Amino acid sequence: MKPHKKQRVLAIDVGGSHVKVRVSNRPDVRQFESGPLMTAGRMVGAVHKLIGDWKYDVVSIGYPGIVIHGKIVTEPHNLGGGWVGFDFRRALGRPVRVINDAAMQAIGSYQGGRMLFLGLGTGLGSAMIVDGIVESMELAHMNYKKGRTYEDDVGDRGRRRLGSKKWRRAVKDVVGTLRMALEADYVVLGGGNARKLKKMPKDAQLGNNDFAFLGGFRMWHKAGLTGRRPVQSRGKVRGAVG
């Protein structure tokens, strides 16, 4: 199906604690709880019940795990199973594009140049966009300190273990380290815990979780919302810079 500006896009943002949905021609957002028992089938069933009165033409899904060429290749760390190989197009009855959840929010947050996106939520999402090319990354499970991963310290479990003050220091350190290592011009911090920071780290700005929906909408438009260069992933158009 060729993308069209008037297509109604259903964007599904799958998180470790909630699943949020919005359709492009409506302002309201609906959500339901997810958690470790949320399988792919249960997620789709809950979406159907939640949006029974909505009409949509195509679907974008932001998934909290590794997605390569639009295919989920690993099961999520904070949800139930059954995601790899699940036929979302058949289950939702519409054309579906799947992307890593951090990459979807990054597309909606992008303002040009080299941007690093970090999602501070249940875990740690990460993606980078360089001159309109988006690449999702799995920085969360890389070694950080004393056998702990980045997610162990700046994810929600780390926040609860360290306490707010030490957690904020850890976030500042991680942002600085990754920004320097990846030579990012700026960092956008999204996710539910980003607003728990009292002060943004240097060269970082607070994102908006609603940008995940904007990213989902942009995935179906080759032309930028403001006529700028389209965002691409692995050589394929995934959304647009606006």
Protein backbone atom coordinates (compact mmCIF):
# COMPACT_ATOMS: atom_id res chain seq x y z
CA MET A 1 0.00 0.00 0.00
CA LYS A 2 1.39 3.40 -0.98
CA PRO A 3 1.51 5.93 1.86
CA HIS A 4 -0.95 8.80 1.61
CA LYS A 5 -1.16 11.92 3.74
CA LYS A 6 -4.80 11.27 4.56
CA GLN A 7 -4.21 7.76 5.85
CA ARG A 8 -5.38 7.27 9.39
CA VAL A 9 -2.44 5.79 11.27
CA LEU A 10 -2.94 3.84 14.49
CA ALA A 11 0.22 4.15 16.61
CA ILE A 12 0.75 1.59 19.38
CA ASP A 13 3.46 2.38 21.93
CA VAL A 14 4.25 -0.82 23.83
CA GLY A 15 5.91 -0.25 27.20
CA GLY A 16 6.91 -2.36 30.16
CA SER A 17 4.11 -0.99 32.35
CA HIS A 18 1.53 0.38 29.87
CA VAL A 19 0.48 0.16 26.25
CA LYS A 20 -0.65 3.51 24.81
CA VAL A 21 -2.53 4.02 21.56
CA ARG A 22 -3.58 6.97 19.43
CA VAL A 23 -4.90 7.37 15.90
CA SER A 24 -3.62 10.22 13.73
CA ASN A 25 -6.97 11.96 13.19
CA ARG A 26 -7.87 12.08 16.90
CA PRO A 27 -6.26 13.97 19.81
CA ASP A 28 -7.11 11.50 22.59
CA VAL A 29 -4.75 8.83 23.91
CA ARG A 30 -5.96 5.58 25.42
CA GLN A 31 -3.95 3.09 27.45
CA PHE A 32 -4.00 -0.11 29.45
CA GLU A 33 -1.55 -1.87 31.75
CA SER A 34 0.99 -4.32 30.33
CA GLY A 35 3.55 -6.09 32.55
CA PRO A 36 5.31 -9.49 32.55
CA LEU A 37 2.20 -11.45 31.55
CA MET A 38 1.45 -9.34 28.47
CA THR A 39 1.92 -11.59 25.42
CA ALA A 40 1.61 -10.32 21.85
CA GLY A 41 -1.82 -11.93 21.53
CA ARG A 42 -3.09 -10.38 24.75
CA MET A 43 -1.81 -7.00 23.67
CA VAL A 44 -3.67 -7.14 20.35
CA GLY A 45 -6.84 -8.36 22.08
CA ALA A 46 -6.71 -5.50 24.56
CA VAL A 47 -6.13 -2.99 21.75
CA HIS A 48 -9.20 -4.27 19.89
CA LYS A 49 -11.34 -3.85 23.01
CA LEU A 50 -9.95 -0.39 23.75
CA ILE A 51 -10.36 1.16 20.29
CA GLY A 52 -13.52 -0.51 19.02
CA ASP A 53 -14.98 2.83 17.89
CA TRP A 54 -11.82 4.06 16.10
CA LYS A 55 -11.24 3.78 12.37
CA TYR A 56 -7.73 3.43 10.96
CA ASP A 57 -6.01 2.39 7.73
CA VAL A 58 -2.50 1.37 8.79
CA VAL A 59 -0.69 0.57 12.04
CA SER A 60 2.69 1.48 13.57
CA ILE A 61 3.96 -0.49 16.58
CA GLY A 62 6.80 0.63 18.84
CA TYR A 63 8.21 -2.55 20.40
CA PRO A 64 10.56 -2.67 23.45
CA GLY A 65 13.12 -5.02 21.94
CA ILE A 66 15.26 -5.72 18.89
CA VAL A 67 13.57 -5.18 15.52
CA ILE A 68 15.51 -5.78 12.28
CA HIS A 69 14.00 -4.99 8.88
CA GLY A 70 10.58 -4.68 10.48
CA LYS A 71 10.78 -8.10 12.15
CA ILE A 72 10.88 -8.72 15.91
CA VAL A 73 13.91 -10.93 16.56
CA THR A 74 14.00 -11.22 20.37
CA GLU A 75 11.37 -11.58 23.06
CA PRO A 76 11.00 -8.55 25.38
CA HIS A 77 12.73 -8.39 28.78
CA ASN A 78 9.80 -6.90 30.69
CA LEU A 79 6.76 -8.48 29.00
CA GLY A 80 5.35 -11.93 28.30
CA GLY A 81 6.30 -14.05 25.28
CA GLY A 82 4.95 -14.84 21.84
CA TRP A 83 6.20 -11.70 20.08
CA VAL A 84 8.75 -13.21 17.70
CA GLY A 85 6.96 -14.36 14.55
CA PHE A 86 3.57 -12.98 15.61
CA ASP A 87 1.44 -11.98 12.60
CA PHE A 88 0.34 -8.46 13.55
CA ARG A 89 -1.06 -7.73 10.10
CA ARG A 90 -3.44 -10.64 10.34
CA ALA A 91 -4.35 -9.94 13.97
CA LEU A 92 -5.04 -6.24 13.38
CA GLY A 93 -6.46 -6.58 9.89
CA ARG A 94 -4.35 -3.73 8.49
CA PRO A 95 -0.84 -3.18 7.07
CA VAL A 96 1.58 -2.97 10.02
CA ARG A 97 5.06 -1.55 10.46
CA VAL A 98 7.03 -2.52 13.57
CA ILE A 99 10.01 -0.58 14.90
CA ASN A 100 11.88 -0.44 18.20
CA ASP A 101 9.92 1.77 20.62
CA ALA A 102 12.86 4.08 21.31
CA ALA A 103 13.41 4.53 17.57
CA MET A 104 9.74 5.41 17.09
CA GLN A 105 9.90 8.11 19.76
CA ALA A 106 13.25 9.27 18.37
CA ILE A 107 11.68 9.83 14.94
CA GLY A 108 9.03 12.00 16.56
CA SER A 109 11.65 13.95 18.56
CA TYR A 110 14.23 14.55 15.83
CA GLN A 111 15.31 18.13 15.05
CA GLY A 112 18.21 17.45 12.70
CA GLY A 113 21.92 16.68 13.08
CA ARG A 114 23.19 13.85 15.31
CA MET A 115 20.61 13.06 17.98
CA LEU A 116 20.84 10.38 20.68
CA PHE A 117 17.54 9.34 22.21
CA LEU A 118 17.41 7.62 25.61
CA GLY A 119 14.13 6.35 27.03
CA LEU A 120 14.10 6.28 30.84
CA GLY A 121 11.24 3.92 31.60
CA THR A 122 10.91 0.41 32.97
CA GLY A 123 14.18 -0.27 31.19
CA LEU A 124 16.44 1.88 29.02
CA GLY A 125 15.53 2.41 25.38
CA SER A 126 18.05 3.89 22.96
CA ALA A 127 18.22 5.05 19.37
CA MET A 128 20.26 7.44 17.30
CA ILE A 129 19.46 9.51 14.23
CA VAL A 130 22.30 10.91 12.14
CA ASP A 131 21.40 13.25 9.28
CA GLY A 132 18.00 11.62 8.86
CA ILE A 133 19.11 7.98 9.25
CA VAL A 134 17.65 6.25 12.31
CA GLU A 135 19.20 3.25 14.02
CA SER A 136 17.81 1.58 17.12
CA MET A 137 20.41 0.38 19.60
CA GLU A 138 20.60 -2.01 22.54
CA LEU A 139 22.76 -0.01 24.93
CA ALA A 140 20.68 -1.03 27.95
CA HIS A 141 22.36 -4.39 28.48
CA MET A 142 25.96 -3.33 27.92
CA ASN A 143 28.32 -3.42 30.90
CA TYR A 144 28.39 -0.18 32.87
CA LYS A 145 29.89 -0.50 36.37
CA LYS A 146 30.92 -3.37 38.62
CA GLY A 147 29.13 -6.00 36.56
CA ARG A 148 25.95 -3.91 36.26
CA THR A 149 24.45 -2.79 32.97
CA TYR A 150 23.30 0.69 32.00
CA GLU A 151 19.71 -0.43 32.54
CA ASP A 152 20.54 -1.81 36.00
CA ASP A 153 21.40 1.71 37.16
CA VAL A 154 19.22 4.11 35.13
CA GLY A 155 16.17 1.90 34.52
CA ASP A 156 13.30 1.88 36.99
CA ARG A 157 14.81 -0.92 39.08
CA GLY A 158 17.96 1.17 39.42
CA ARG A 159 15.96 4.21 40.50
CA ARG A 160 14.26 2.20 43.21
CA ARG A 161 17.51 0.59 44.35
CA LEU A 162 19.69 3.72 44.34
CA GLY A 163 17.13 6.26 45.47
CA SER A 164 16.30 9.42 43.57
CA LYS A 165 19.47 11.41 44.31
CA LYS A 166 21.96 8.72 43.31
CA TRP A 167 19.79 7.73 40.34
CA ARG A 168 19.88 11.29 38.99
CA ARG A 169 23.67 11.29 39.29
CA ALA A 170 23.80 7.98 37.42
CA VAL A 171 21.61 9.38 34.63
CA LYS A 172 23.87 12.43 34.33
CA ASP A 173 26.95 10.21 34.11
CA VAL A 174 25.39 7.85 31.55
CA VAL A 175 24.15 10.71 29.36
CA GLY A 176 27.57 12.35 29.37
CA THR A 177 29.40 9.10 28.65
CA LEU A 178 27.15 8.03 25.78
CA ARG A 179 26.91 11.51 24.25
CA MET A 180 30.69 11.74 24.11
CA ALA A 181 31.22 8.18 22.87
CA LEU A 182 28.64 8.53 20.09
CA GLU A 183 29.53 12.15 19.25
CA ALA A 184 25.90 13.25 19.54
CA ASP A 185 25.06 16.92 19.03
CA TYR A 186 22.29 16.62 21.59
CA VAL A 187 20.42 14.05 23.67
CA VAL A 188 16.66 13.74 24.07
CA LEU A 189 15.47 12.04 27.27
CA GLY A 190 12.06 10.41 27.03
CA GLY A 191 10.22 7.74 28.98
CA GLY A 192 8.11 8.02 32.10
CA ASN A 193 11.05 8.63 34.45
CA ALA A 194 12.63 11.48 32.49
CA ARG A 195 10.37 13.96 34.29
CA LYS A 196 11.78 12.78 37.62
CA LEU A 197 15.04 14.57 36.83
CA LYS A 198 15.30 17.92 38.60
CA LYS A 199 17.77 19.26 36.03
CA MET A 200 18.61 18.15 32.50
CA PRO A 201 22.21 16.96 31.98
CA LYS A 202 24.45 19.06 29.74
CA ASP A 203 23.37 19.08 26.06
CA ALA A 204 20.22 17.10 26.93
CA GLN A 205 16.59 18.09 26.62
CA LEU A 206 13.37 16.67 27.97
CA GLY A 207 11.37 14.75 25.41
CA ASN A 208 7.65 14.18 25.29
CA ASN A 209 6.14 10.71 25.29
CA ASP A 210 3.53 11.94 22.83
CA PHE A 211 6.35 12.16 20.28
CA ALA A 212 6.18 8.36 20.09
CA PHE A 213 2.82 8.77 18.37
CA LEU A 214 4.20 11.44 16.06
CA GLY A 215 7.01 9.07 15.16
CA GLY A 216 4.48 6.32 14.46
CA PHE A 217 2.51 8.63 12.19
CA ARG A 218 5.66 9.72 10.35
CA MET A 219 6.61 6.11 9.61
CA TRP A 220 3.88 6.06 6.95
CA HIS A 221 4.81 9.33 5.23
CA LYS A 222 7.75 9.60 2.85
CA ALA A 223 7.35 13.36 2.64
CA GLY A 224 8.33 15.30 5.75
CA LEU A 225 5.59 17.07 7.64
CA THR A 226 7.41 20.32 6.99
CA GLY A 227 9.08 19.33 3.76
CA ARG A 228 12.37 18.26 5.34
CA ARG A 229 14.43 15.18 4.63
CA PRO A 230 12.71 11.83 5.40
CA VAL A 231 13.99 9.73 8.28
CA GLN A 232 15.37 6.43 7.03
CA SER A 233 16.32 3.13 8.67
CA ARG A 234 18.67 0.62 7.02
CA GLY A 235 18.09 2.32 3.70
CA LYS A 236 14.29 2.28 3.94
CA VAL A 237 12.05 5.21 4.71
CA ARG A 238 10.51 4.84 8.19
CA GLY A 239 9.13 8.28 8.89
CA ALA A 240 9.81 11.93 8.36
CA VAL A 241 11.62 14.77 10.00
CA GLY A 242 9.29 17.55 11.01
